[in-house]
Amino acid sequence: MRLAEFNTAPREDVLAVLRSCANVDRWARAVADALPFATVAEALAAARTAAEPWTDAEIDAALARHPRIGERADGGAADAAMSRREQSGIDTDAEVQERLRAGNAAYEERFGHVFLIRAAGRSAVQILAALDERLTHTPDQERRIAAAQLREIAVLRLESILEGTN
């Protein structure tokens, strides 16, 4: 769905597209309320603005839709397909997968939710280094970082949709 189609689509279709970027109803409604956009950059700016800040409940809702890093998202939903593409560059080497599994488990034990990072454009080595570093954070620090990563992912997803590269 390119920008012109996004601008003229029925509201429920626009909301569905936005929820596939981040499962946060208030954010999706705020972006939809700002339609139409003259450019993709304008749409992305509106998405960033509406996402700053997200509440803890909104962060939890968005995190609940994300698979563990290194695990293949199941299902045919648009967000699952985007997640599979975003994580396609992660090494499937058994050692890397085991390190991701162990790191994910330690992270979830420490913070109570999935480890989330913008995987697009990052190697498995970079993701593992970030995971190790983030395990040293306080819960408050990590909550802010997870929220920032969610915003990055949402905006990148919206950009790929509006530019027709998804």
N, C-alpha and C. Protein backbone atom coordinates (compact mmCIF):
# COMPACT_ATOMS: atom_id res chain seq x y z
N MET A 1 0.85 -1.17 0.00
CA MET A 1 0.00 0.00 0.00
C MET A 1 0.90 1.23 0.00
N ARG A 2 0.91 1.92 -1.05
CA ARG A 2 1.71 3.15 -1.17
C ARG A 2 0.99 4.31 -0.50
N LEU A 3 1.67 5.45 -0.41
CA LEU A 3 1.13 6.61 0.31
C LEU A 3 -0.22 7.04 -0.22
N ALA A 4 -0.40 7.15 -1.54
CA ALA A 4 -1.67 7.62 -2.09
C ALA A 4 -2.82 6.70 -1.68
N GLU A 5 -2.59 5.41 -1.71
CA GLU A 5 -3.61 4.45 -1.29
C GLU A 5 -3.87 4.54 0.20
N PHE A 6 -2.81 4.68 0.98
CA PHE A 6 -2.92 4.83 2.43
C PHE A 6 -3.78 6.04 2.78
N ASN A 7 -3.54 7.15 2.09
CA ASN A 7 -4.27 8.39 2.34
C ASN A 7 -5.76 8.27 2.05
N THR A 8 -6.15 7.39 1.13
CA THR A 8 -7.55 7.31 0.71
C THR A 8 -8.24 6.01 1.13
N ALA A 9 -7.53 5.13 1.79
CA ALA A 9 -8.10 3.85 2.21
C ALA A 9 -9.14 4.06 3.31
N PRO A 10 -10.09 3.14 3.42
CA PRO A 10 -11.04 3.21 4.53
C PRO A 10 -10.29 3.20 5.87
N ARG A 11 -10.82 3.91 6.84
CA ARG A 11 -10.16 4.05 8.14
C ARG A 11 -9.77 2.70 8.74
N GLU A 12 -10.66 1.73 8.69
CA GLU A 12 -10.34 0.42 9.28
C GLU A 12 -9.14 -0.23 8.59
N ASP A 13 -9.00 -0.04 7.30
CA ASP A 13 -7.83 -0.57 6.58
C ASP A 13 -6.56 0.14 7.01
N VAL A 14 -6.64 1.45 7.17
CA VAL A 14 -5.49 2.23 7.63
C VAL A 14 -5.09 1.78 9.03
N LEU A 15 -6.07 1.62 9.91
CA LEU A 15 -5.77 1.17 11.28
C LEU A 15 -5.15 -0.22 11.29
N ALA A 16 -5.63 -1.10 10.43
CA ALA A 16 -5.04 -2.44 10.35
C ALA A 16 -3.58 -2.38 9.91
N VAL A 17 -3.29 -1.55 8.94
CA VAL A 17 -1.91 -1.38 8.48
C VAL A 17 -1.05 -0.86 9.62
N LEU A 18 -1.53 0.15 10.30
CA LEU A 18 -0.75 0.74 11.40
C LEU A 18 -0.56 -0.25 12.54
N ARG A 19 -1.58 -1.02 12.86
CA ARG A 19 -1.46 -2.01 13.94
C ARG A 19 -0.47 -3.12 13.57
N SER A 20 -0.28 -3.36 12.27
CA SER A 20 0.72 -4.35 11.87
C SER A 20 2.14 -3.80 12.06
N CYS A 21 2.25 -2.49 12.13
CA CYS A 21 3.54 -1.85 12.40
C CYS A 21 3.83 -1.84 13.90
N ALA A 22 2.81 -1.57 14.68
CA ALA A 22 2.90 -1.59 16.15
C ALA A 22 1.49 -1.75 16.68
N ASN A 23 1.29 -2.74 17.50
CA ASN A 23 -0.03 -3.05 18.02
C ASN A 23 -0.39 -2.11 19.18
N VAL A 24 -0.55 -0.83 18.83
CA VAL A 24 -0.87 0.20 19.82
C VAL A 24 -2.03 1.02 19.26
N ASP A 25 -3.22 0.79 19.80
CA ASP A 25 -4.42 1.41 19.25
C ASP A 25 -4.37 2.93 19.26
N ARG A 26 -3.98 3.54 20.37
CA ARG A 26 -3.95 5.00 20.44
C ARG A 26 -3.02 5.58 19.39
N TRP A 27 -1.87 4.96 19.22
CA TRP A 27 -0.90 5.41 18.22
C TRP A 27 -1.51 5.29 16.82
N ALA A 28 -2.10 4.14 16.52
CA ALA A 28 -2.70 3.93 15.20
C ALA A 28 -3.79 4.97 14.92
N ARG A 29 -4.64 5.23 15.91
CA ARG A 29 -5.70 6.23 15.73
C ARG A 29 -5.12 7.63 15.52
N ALA A 30 -4.07 7.96 16.27
CA ALA A 30 -3.47 9.30 16.14
C ALA A 30 -2.86 9.50 14.75
N VAL A 31 -2.20 8.47 14.24
CA VAL A 31 -1.62 8.58 12.90
C VAL A 31 -2.74 8.66 11.87
N ALA A 32 -3.76 7.83 12.01
CA ALA A 32 -4.88 7.84 11.07
C ALA A 32 -5.61 9.19 11.11
N ASP A 33 -5.71 9.78 12.28
CA ASP A 33 -6.39 11.07 12.41
C ASP A 33 -5.65 12.19 11.69
N ALA A 34 -4.36 12.00 11.46
CA ALA A 34 -3.54 13.04 10.81
C ALA A 34 -3.56 12.95 9.28
N LEU A 35 -4.24 11.95 8.73
CA LEU A 35 -4.33 11.82 7.28
C LEU A 35 -5.00 13.03 6.66
N PRO A 36 -4.70 13.38 5.43
CA PRO A 36 -3.74 12.75 4.53
C PRO A 36 -2.34 13.36 4.72
N PHE A 37 -1.34 12.64 4.23
CA PHE A 37 0.05 13.09 4.29
C PHE A 37 0.52 13.45 2.89
N ALA A 38 1.27 14.52 2.79
CA ALA A 38 1.78 14.96 1.48
C ALA A 38 2.95 14.10 1.03
N THR A 39 3.71 13.58 2.00
CA THR A 39 4.89 12.78 1.66
C THR A 39 5.02 11.63 2.66
N VAL A 40 5.82 10.65 2.29
CA VAL A 40 6.12 9.56 3.22
C VAL A 40 6.83 10.12 4.45
N ALA A 41 7.74 11.05 4.25
CA ALA A 41 8.46 11.66 5.37
C ALA A 41 7.50 12.30 6.37
N GLU A 42 6.46 12.94 5.86
CA GLU A 42 5.45 13.56 6.74
C GLU A 42 4.70 12.48 7.53
N ALA A 43 4.36 11.39 6.89
CA ALA A 43 3.69 10.29 7.57
C ALA A 43 4.58 9.70 8.66
N LEU A 44 5.86 9.52 8.36
CA LEU A 44 6.79 8.96 9.34
C LEU A 44 6.99 9.91 10.51
N ALA A 45 7.02 11.20 10.24
CA ALA A 45 7.14 12.18 11.32
C ALA A 45 5.92 12.11 12.24
N ALA A 46 4.75 11.98 11.65
CA ALA A 46 3.52 11.85 12.45
C ALA A 46 3.56 10.58 13.29
N ALA A 47 4.06 9.51 12.71
CA ALA A 47 4.16 8.23 13.44
C ALA A 47 5.13 8.36 14.61
N ARG A 48 6.25 9.00 14.39
CA ARG A 48 7.24 9.20 15.48
C ARG A 48 6.63 10.06 16.60
N THR A 49 5.98 11.14 16.21
CA THR A 49 5.39 12.05 17.20
C THR A 49 4.32 11.34 18.03
N ALA A 50 3.47 10.58 17.38
CA ALA A 50 2.39 9.89 18.09
C ALA A 50 2.91 8.80 19.02
N ALA A 51 4.12 8.31 18.75
CA ALA A 51 4.69 7.23 19.55
C ALA A 51 5.53 7.74 20.72
N GLU A 52 5.61 9.04 20.89
CA GLU A 52 6.47 9.59 21.92
C GLU A 52 5.66 10.32 22.96
N PRO A 53 5.46 9.83 24.13
CA PRO A 53 5.87 8.50 24.57
C PRO A 53 4.71 7.51 24.47
N TRP A 54 5.05 6.25 24.55
CA TRP A 54 4.05 5.21 24.70
C TRP A 54 3.95 4.88 26.18
N THR A 55 2.76 4.53 26.62
CA THR A 55 2.57 4.14 28.02
C THR A 55 3.10 2.73 28.23
N ASP A 56 3.23 2.33 29.49
CA ASP A 56 3.67 0.96 29.78
C ASP A 56 2.70 -0.06 29.18
N ALA A 57 1.41 0.22 29.29
CA ALA A 57 0.41 -0.71 28.73
C ALA A 57 0.56 -0.81 27.21
N GLU A 58 0.84 0.31 26.55
CA GLU A 58 1.02 0.29 25.09
C GLU A 58 2.29 -0.47 24.71
N ILE A 59 3.35 -0.28 25.48
CA ILE A 59 4.59 -1.03 25.23
C ILE A 59 4.32 -2.52 25.39
N ASP A 60 3.60 -2.89 26.44
CA ASP A 60 3.28 -4.31 26.66
C ASP A 60 2.47 -4.88 25.50
N ALA A 61 1.49 -4.11 25.02
CA ALA A 61 0.66 -4.58 23.90
C ALA A 61 1.51 -4.80 22.65
N ALA A 62 2.41 -3.86 22.38
CA ALA A 62 3.27 -4.00 21.20
C ALA A 62 4.25 -5.15 21.36
N LEU A 63 4.84 -5.29 22.54
CA LEU A 63 5.80 -6.37 22.77
C LEU A 63 5.15 -7.75 22.63
N ALA A 64 3.88 -7.83 23.02
CA ALA A 64 3.19 -9.12 22.99
C ALA A 64 3.08 -9.69 21.58
N ARG A 65 3.16 -8.84 20.56
CA ARG A 65 3.04 -9.29 19.17
C ARG A 65 4.38 -9.63 18.52
N HIS A 66 5.47 -9.43 19.26
CA HIS A 66 6.79 -9.68 18.68
C HIS A 66 7.32 -11.04 19.09
N PRO A 67 7.84 -11.81 18.13
CA PRO A 67 8.46 -13.09 18.47
C PRO A 67 9.83 -12.86 19.11
N ARG A 68 10.35 -13.87 19.73
CA ARG A 68 11.71 -13.79 20.24
C ARG A 68 12.68 -13.60 19.09
N ILE A 69 13.72 -12.88 19.34
CA ILE A 69 14.74 -12.68 18.31
C ILE A 69 15.36 -14.04 18.01
N GLY A 70 15.48 -14.34 16.75
CA GLY A 70 16.02 -15.63 16.33
C GLY A 70 14.96 -16.70 16.11
N GLU A 71 13.71 -16.42 16.52
CA GLU A 71 12.62 -17.37 16.30
C GLU A 71 11.76 -16.88 15.15
N ARG A 72 11.31 -17.79 14.35
CA ARG A 72 10.49 -17.45 13.20
C ARG A 72 9.07 -17.15 13.65
N ALA A 73 8.57 -16.00 13.25
CA ALA A 73 7.19 -15.61 13.58
C ALA A 73 6.24 -16.50 12.80
N ASP A 74 5.26 -17.06 13.48
CA ASP A 74 4.28 -17.92 12.85
C ASP A 74 3.10 -17.12 12.34
N GLY A 75 2.37 -17.71 11.40
CA GLY A 75 1.11 -17.13 10.96
C GLY A 75 1.23 -16.27 9.73
N GLY A 76 0.08 -15.91 9.22
CA GLY A 76 0.00 -15.14 7.99
C GLY A 76 -0.28 -13.68 8.21
N ALA A 77 -0.31 -13.23 9.47
CA ALA A 77 -0.58 -11.82 9.73
C ALA A 77 0.54 -10.96 9.16
N ALA A 78 0.19 -9.73 8.81
CA ALA A 78 1.17 -8.83 8.20
C ALA A 78 2.36 -8.59 9.10
N ASP A 79 2.14 -8.45 10.41
CA ASP A 79 3.27 -8.19 11.31
C ASP A 79 4.18 -9.41 11.42
N ALA A 80 3.63 -10.61 11.33
CA ALA A 80 4.46 -11.82 11.35
C ALA A 80 5.33 -11.89 10.10
N ALA A 81 4.76 -11.55 8.96
CA ALA A 81 5.53 -11.54 7.72
C ALA A 81 6.65 -10.50 7.78
N MET A 82 6.36 -9.33 8.32
CA MET A 82 7.39 -8.30 8.45
C MET A 82 8.49 -8.76 9.39
N SER A 83 8.11 -9.40 10.48
CA SER A 83 9.11 -9.89 11.43
C SER A 83 10.02 -10.92 10.79
N ARG A 84 9.45 -11.81 9.97
CA ARG A 84 10.27 -12.81 9.29
C ARG A 84 11.28 -12.12 8.36
N ARG A 85 10.85 -11.10 7.64
CA ARG A 85 11.77 -10.37 6.76
C ARG A 85 12.85 -9.65 7.57
N GLU A 86 12.45 -9.01 8.65
CA GLU A 86 13.39 -8.26 9.47
C GLU A 86 14.47 -9.15 10.07
N GLN A 87 14.09 -10.38 10.42
CA GLN A 87 15.04 -11.29 11.04
C GLN A 87 15.71 -12.23 10.04
N SER A 88 15.47 -12.02 8.77
CA SER A 88 16.00 -12.95 7.76
C SER A 88 17.52 -12.96 7.71
N GLY A 89 18.17 -11.90 8.14
CA GLY A 89 19.62 -11.84 8.10
C GLY A 89 20.31 -12.46 9.30
N ILE A 90 19.54 -12.94 10.26
CA ILE A 90 20.14 -13.52 11.46
C ILE A 90 20.64 -14.92 11.13
N ASP A 91 21.87 -15.15 11.51
CA ASP A 91 22.55 -16.42 11.25
C ASP A 91 21.75 -17.58 11.84
N THR A 92 21.64 -18.64 11.08
CA THR A 92 20.92 -19.81 11.57
C THR A 92 21.87 -20.88 12.09
N ASP A 93 23.13 -20.54 12.26
CA ASP A 93 24.13 -21.42 12.83
C ASP A 93 23.66 -21.92 14.20
N ALA A 94 23.88 -23.18 14.49
CA ALA A 94 23.40 -23.79 15.72
C ALA A 94 23.96 -23.09 16.96
N GLU A 95 25.21 -22.69 16.92
CA GLU A 95 25.81 -22.01 18.07
C GLU A 95 25.15 -20.65 18.31
N VAL A 96 24.93 -19.90 17.22
CA VAL A 96 24.28 -18.61 17.32
C VAL A 96 22.86 -18.79 17.85
N GLN A 97 22.15 -19.75 17.33
CA GLN A 97 20.79 -20.00 17.78
C GLN A 97 20.75 -20.35 19.26
N GLU A 98 21.70 -21.14 19.72
CA GLU A 98 21.74 -21.50 21.14
C GLU A 98 22.04 -20.28 22.00
N ARG A 99 22.96 -19.43 21.55
CA ARG A 99 23.27 -18.21 22.30
C ARG A 99 22.05 -17.28 22.34
N LEU A 100 21.33 -17.19 21.24
CA LEU A 100 20.11 -16.38 21.23
C LEU A 100 19.05 -16.97 22.16
N ARG A 101 18.90 -18.28 22.12
CA ARG A 101 17.92 -18.93 23.00
C ARG A 101 18.25 -18.67 24.46
N ALA A 102 19.50 -18.86 24.84
CA ALA A 102 19.92 -18.65 26.22
C ALA A 102 19.79 -17.17 26.61
N GLY A 103 20.19 -16.29 25.72
CA GLY A 103 20.08 -14.85 25.99
C GLY A 103 18.63 -14.40 26.12
N ASN A 104 17.77 -14.90 25.23
CA ASN A 104 16.34 -14.58 25.31
C ASN A 104 15.77 -15.03 26.65
N ALA A 105 16.12 -16.24 27.08
CA ALA A 105 15.61 -16.78 28.35
C ALA A 105 16.08 -15.92 29.53
N ALA A 106 17.36 -15.54 29.53
CA ALA A 106 17.89 -14.72 30.62
C ALA A 106 17.22 -13.35 30.63
N TYR A 107 17.02 -12.79 29.46
CA TYR A 107 16.39 -11.48 29.34
C TYR A 107 14.95 -11.53 29.86
N GLU A 108 14.20 -12.53 29.41
CA GLU A 108 12.80 -12.65 29.84
C GLU A 108 12.70 -12.87 31.34
N GLU A 109 13.62 -13.63 31.89
CA GLU A 109 13.65 -13.86 33.33
C GLU A 109 13.91 -12.55 34.07
N ARG A 110 14.82 -11.75 33.55
CA ARG A 110 15.20 -10.49 34.21
C ARG A 110 14.15 -9.40 34.04
N PHE A 111 13.58 -9.27 32.83
CA PHE A 111 12.72 -8.13 32.53
C PHE A 111 11.24 -8.46 32.34
N GLY A 112 10.89 -9.72 32.19
CA GLY A 112 9.49 -10.11 32.10
C GLY A 112 8.84 -9.93 30.74
N HIS A 113 9.64 -9.68 29.71
CA HIS A 113 9.11 -9.58 28.34
C HIS A 113 10.21 -9.95 27.36
N VAL A 114 9.82 -10.12 26.10
CA VAL A 114 10.78 -10.53 25.08
C VAL A 114 11.84 -9.45 24.87
N PHE A 115 13.03 -9.90 24.53
CA PHE A 115 14.10 -8.99 24.12
C PHE A 115 13.72 -8.47 22.74
N LEU A 116 13.69 -7.17 22.60
CA LEU A 116 13.29 -6.57 21.33
C LEU A 116 14.40 -5.66 20.84
N ILE A 117 14.74 -5.85 19.59
CA ILE A 117 15.73 -5.00 18.94
C ILE A 117 15.36 -4.89 17.48
N ARG A 118 15.64 -3.74 16.89
CA ARG A 118 15.43 -3.61 15.46
C ARG A 118 16.45 -4.51 14.80
N ALA A 119 15.99 -5.65 14.28
CA ALA A 119 16.88 -6.63 13.67
C ALA A 119 17.30 -6.24 12.26
N ALA A 120 16.46 -5.52 11.57
CA ALA A 120 16.75 -5.15 10.18
C ALA A 120 18.08 -4.40 10.12
N GLY A 121 18.99 -4.90 9.28
CA GLY A 121 20.28 -4.26 9.11
C GLY A 121 21.32 -4.63 10.15
N ARG A 122 20.98 -5.53 11.06
CA ARG A 122 21.92 -5.94 12.10
C ARG A 122 22.29 -7.41 11.90
N SER A 123 23.53 -7.72 12.18
CA SER A 123 23.99 -9.11 12.11
C SER A 123 23.69 -9.80 13.44
N ALA A 124 23.80 -11.12 13.43
CA ALA A 124 23.59 -11.89 14.66
C ALA A 124 24.62 -11.49 15.71
N VAL A 125 25.85 -11.22 15.31
CA VAL A 125 26.90 -10.80 16.25
C VAL A 125 26.52 -9.48 16.91
N GLN A 126 26.02 -8.54 16.13
CA GLN A 126 25.60 -7.25 16.68
C GLN A 126 24.41 -7.41 17.64
N ILE A 127 23.48 -8.26 17.27
CA ILE A 127 22.31 -8.49 18.11
C ILE A 127 22.72 -9.16 19.42
N LEU A 128 23.60 -10.15 19.34
CA LEU A 128 24.07 -10.82 20.56
C LEU A 128 24.82 -9.85 21.46
N ALA A 129 25.64 -8.98 20.89
CA ALA A 129 26.37 -8.00 21.70
C ALA A 129 25.39 -7.05 22.39
N ALA A 130 24.36 -6.61 21.67
CA ALA A 130 23.35 -5.73 22.27
C ALA A 130 22.59 -6.46 23.37
N LEU A 131 22.26 -7.71 23.14
CA LEU A 131 21.55 -8.50 24.15
C LEU A 131 22.39 -8.62 25.42
N ASP A 132 23.67 -8.95 25.27
CA ASP A 132 24.56 -9.08 26.43
C ASP A 132 24.64 -7.75 27.19
N GLU A 133 24.78 -6.65 26.45
CA GLU A 133 24.89 -5.34 27.08
C GLU A 133 23.59 -4.95 27.78
N ARG A 134 22.47 -5.22 27.15
CA ARG A 134 21.19 -4.82 27.71
C ARG A 134 20.81 -5.64 28.94
N LEU A 135 21.38 -6.81 29.09
CA LEU A 135 21.13 -7.59 30.30
C LEU A 135 21.72 -6.92 31.53
N THR A 136 22.63 -5.95 31.34
CA THR A 136 23.23 -5.24 32.48
C THR A 136 22.41 -4.04 32.92
N HIS A 137 21.36 -3.71 32.19
CA HIS A 137 20.55 -2.53 32.49
C HIS A 137 19.62 -2.75 33.67
N THR A 138 19.17 -1.63 34.22
CA THR A 138 18.10 -1.70 35.21
C THR A 138 16.79 -1.89 34.45
N PRO A 139 15.75 -2.35 35.12
CA PRO A 139 14.45 -2.48 34.44
C PRO A 139 13.96 -1.15 33.84
N ASP A 140 14.18 -0.03 34.52
CA ASP A 140 13.75 1.26 33.98
C ASP A 140 14.53 1.62 32.72
N GLN A 141 15.84 1.42 32.74
CA GLN A 141 16.64 1.69 31.55
C GLN A 141 16.16 0.83 30.38
N GLU A 142 15.96 -0.42 30.67
CA GLU A 142 15.59 -1.35 29.61
C GLU A 142 14.21 -1.06 29.06
N ARG A 143 13.32 -0.62 29.89
CA ARG A 143 11.97 -0.27 29.42
C ARG A 143 12.04 0.87 28.39
N ARG A 144 12.86 1.89 28.69
CA ARG A 144 13.02 3.00 27.75
C ARG A 144 13.65 2.54 26.44
N ILE A 145 14.62 1.64 26.53
CA ILE A 145 15.28 1.15 25.31
C ILE A 145 14.31 0.29 24.50
N ALA A 146 13.55 -0.57 25.16
CA ALA A 146 12.57 -1.40 24.45
C ALA A 146 11.54 -0.53 23.75
N ALA A 147 11.10 0.54 24.42
CA ALA A 147 10.13 1.45 23.80
C ALA A 147 10.75 2.13 22.58
N ALA A 148 12.00 2.55 22.69
CA ALA A 148 12.67 3.19 21.54
C ALA A 148 12.81 2.21 20.38
N GLN A 149 13.13 0.96 20.68
CA GLN A 149 13.24 -0.05 19.63
C GLN A 149 11.89 -0.30 18.97
N LEU A 150 10.83 -0.34 19.77
CA LEU A 150 9.48 -0.50 19.21
C LEU A 150 9.16 0.64 18.25
N ARG A 151 9.50 1.86 18.65
CA ARG A 151 9.24 3.01 17.78
C ARG A 151 10.03 2.89 16.48
N GLU A 152 11.29 2.51 16.58
CA GLU A 152 12.11 2.34 15.37
C GLU A 152 11.49 1.31 14.44
N ILE A 153 11.09 0.18 15.00
CA ILE A 153 10.50 -0.90 14.20
C ILE A 153 9.21 -0.42 13.55
N ALA A 154 8.35 0.24 14.32
CA ALA A 154 7.07 0.72 13.78
C ALA A 154 7.29 1.67 12.62
N VAL A 155 8.20 2.61 12.77
CA VAL A 155 8.44 3.59 11.71
C VAL A 155 9.07 2.92 10.49
N LEU A 156 10.01 2.02 10.70
CA LEU A 156 10.60 1.30 9.56
C LEU A 156 9.57 0.47 8.81
N ARG A 157 8.70 -0.17 9.56
CA ARG A 157 7.64 -0.95 8.92
C ARG A 157 6.71 -0.06 8.12
N LEU A 158 6.30 1.04 8.70
CA LEU A 158 5.41 1.96 7.98
C LEU A 158 6.10 2.50 6.74
N GLU A 159 7.35 2.83 6.85
CA GLU A 159 8.11 3.32 5.70
C GLU A 159 8.13 2.29 4.58
N SER A 160 8.38 1.03 4.92
CA SER A 160 8.43 -0.01 3.88
C SER A 160 7.06 -0.21 3.23
N ILE A 161 6.01 -0.06 4.00
CA ILE A 161 4.65 -0.19 3.45
C ILE A 161 4.36 0.98 2.50
N LEU A 162 4.62 2.18 2.96
CA LEU A 162 4.28 3.37 2.16
C LEU A 162 5.17 3.53 0.94
N GLU A 163 6.35 2.97 0.98
CA GLU A 163 7.25 3.02 -0.18
C GLU A 163 7.11 1.80 -1.07
N GLY A 164 6.27 0.84 -0.63
CA GLY A 164 6.04 -0.36 -1.43
C GLY A 164 7.19 -1.34 -1.45
N THR A 165 8.01 -1.33 -0.40
CA THR A 165 9.16 -2.24 -0.36
C THR A 165 8.95 -3.40 0.61
N ASN A 166 7.77 -3.52 1.17
CA ASN A 166 7.53 -4.60 2.14
C ASN A 166 7.20 -5.89 1.45
